[in-house]
């Protein structure tokens, strides 16, 4: 994924995916969840870089 690494240096990328390989290189994950009462909420998780 060298192309994505190059783009990351100059831009913020927002990619909608469920592909594990794409999600594995992300800096943060964002999602929408819905509670039992029908209220939607946005959630996010910043990821740490390994190695």
C-alpha atoms as a PDB file:
ATOM      1  CA  UNK A   1       0.000   0.000   0.000  1.00  0.00           C
ATOM      2  CA  UNK A   2       2.835   2.396  -0.755  1.00  0.00           C
ATOM      3  CA  UNK A   3       0.515   4.648  -2.786  1.00  0.00           C
ATOM      4  CA  UNK A   4      -1.693   5.249   0.265  1.00  0.00           C
ATOM      5  CA  UNK A   5       1.352   5.967   2.423  1.00  0.00           C
ATOM      6  CA  UNK A   6       2.508   8.582  -0.105  1.00  0.00           C
ATOM      7  CA  UNK A   7      -0.923  10.234  -0.187  1.00  0.00           C
ATOM      8  CA  UNK A   8      -1.158  10.213   3.610  1.00  0.00           C
ATOM      9  CA  UNK A   9       1.816  12.587   3.818  1.00  0.00           C
ATOM     10  CA  UNK A  10      -0.058  15.294   1.869  1.00  0.00           C
ATOM     11  CA  UNK A  11      -3.777  14.695   2.437  1.00  0.00           C
ATOM     12  CA  UNK A  12      -6.371  13.276   4.768  1.00  0.00           C
ATOM     13  CA  UNK A  13      -7.961  10.194   3.262  1.00  0.00           C
ATOM     14  CA  UNK A  14     -11.430   8.995   4.139  1.00  0.00           C
ATOM     15  CA  UNK A  15     -12.096   5.521   2.803  1.00  0.00           C
ATOM     16  CA  UNK A  16     -15.317   3.630   3.411  1.00  0.00           C
ATOM     17  CA  UNK A  17     -14.488  -0.054   3.627  1.00  0.00           C
ATOM     18  CA  UNK A  18     -14.864  -3.299   5.500  1.00  0.00           C
ATOM     19  CA  UNK A  19     -11.645  -4.697   4.025  1.00  0.00           C
ATOM     20  CA  UNK A  20      -9.347  -5.823   6.839  1.00  0.00           C
ATOM     21  CA  UNK A  21      -6.129  -4.966   4.931  1.00  0.00           C
ATOM     22  CA  UNK A  22      -7.287  -1.386   4.308  1.00  0.00           C
ATOM     23  CA  UNK A  23      -8.463  -0.909   7.881  1.00  0.00           C
ATOM     24  CA  UNK A  24      -5.140  -2.272   9.192  1.00  0.00           C
ATOM     25  CA  UNK A  25      -3.175   0.675   7.761  1.00  0.00           C
ATOM     26  CA  UNK A  26      -5.608   3.340   8.978  1.00  0.00           C
ATOM     27  CA  UNK A  27      -4.719   5.991  11.566  1.00  0.00           C
ATOM     28  CA  UNK A  28      -8.297   6.049  12.872  1.00  0.00           C
ATOM     29  CA  UNK A  29     -11.542   4.155  12.364  1.00  0.00           C
ATOM     30  CA  UNK A  30     -14.983   5.799  12.360  1.00  0.00           C
ATOM     31  CA  UNK A  31     -18.377   4.184  12.428  1.00  0.00           C
ATOM     32  CA  UNK A  32     -22.055   4.667  13.084  1.00  0.00           C
ATOM     33  CA  UNK A  33     -23.916   2.552  15.595  1.00  0.00           C
ATOM     34  CA  UNK A  34     -27.567   2.420  16.575  1.00  0.00           C
ATOM     35  CA  UNK A  35     -28.755   1.816  20.116  1.00  0.00           C
ATOM     36  CA  UNK A  36     -31.771  -0.360  20.908  1.00  0.00           C
ATOM     37  CA  UNK A  37     -33.932   2.790  21.227  1.00  0.00           C
ATOM     38  CA  UNK A  38     -33.144   3.761  17.607  1.00  0.00           C
ATOM     39  CA  UNK A  39     -30.721   6.620  18.347  1.00  0.00           C
ATOM     40  CA  UNK A  40     -27.639   6.658  16.081  1.00  0.00           C
ATOM     41  CA  UNK A  41     -24.222   7.702  17.332  1.00  0.00           C
ATOM     42  CA  UNK A  42     -20.878   8.288  15.616  1.00  0.00           C
ATOM     43  CA  UNK A  43     -17.915   6.498  17.188  1.00  0.00           C
ATOM     44  CA  UNK A  44     -14.207   6.782  16.497  1.00  0.00           C
ATOM     45  CA  UNK A  45     -11.029   5.013  17.532  1.00  0.00           C
ATOM     46  CA  UNK A  46      -7.513   6.342  16.914  1.00  0.00           C
ATOM     47  CA  UNK A  47      -5.013   3.553  16.234  1.00  0.00           C
ATOM     48  CA  UNK A  48      -1.402   3.307  17.328  1.00  0.00           C
ATOM     49  CA  UNK A  49       1.343   2.613  14.790  1.00  0.00           C
ATOM     50  CA  UNK A  50       3.398  -0.508  15.418  1.00  0.00           C
ATOM     51  CA  UNK A  51       7.037  -0.803  14.526  1.00  0.00           C
END
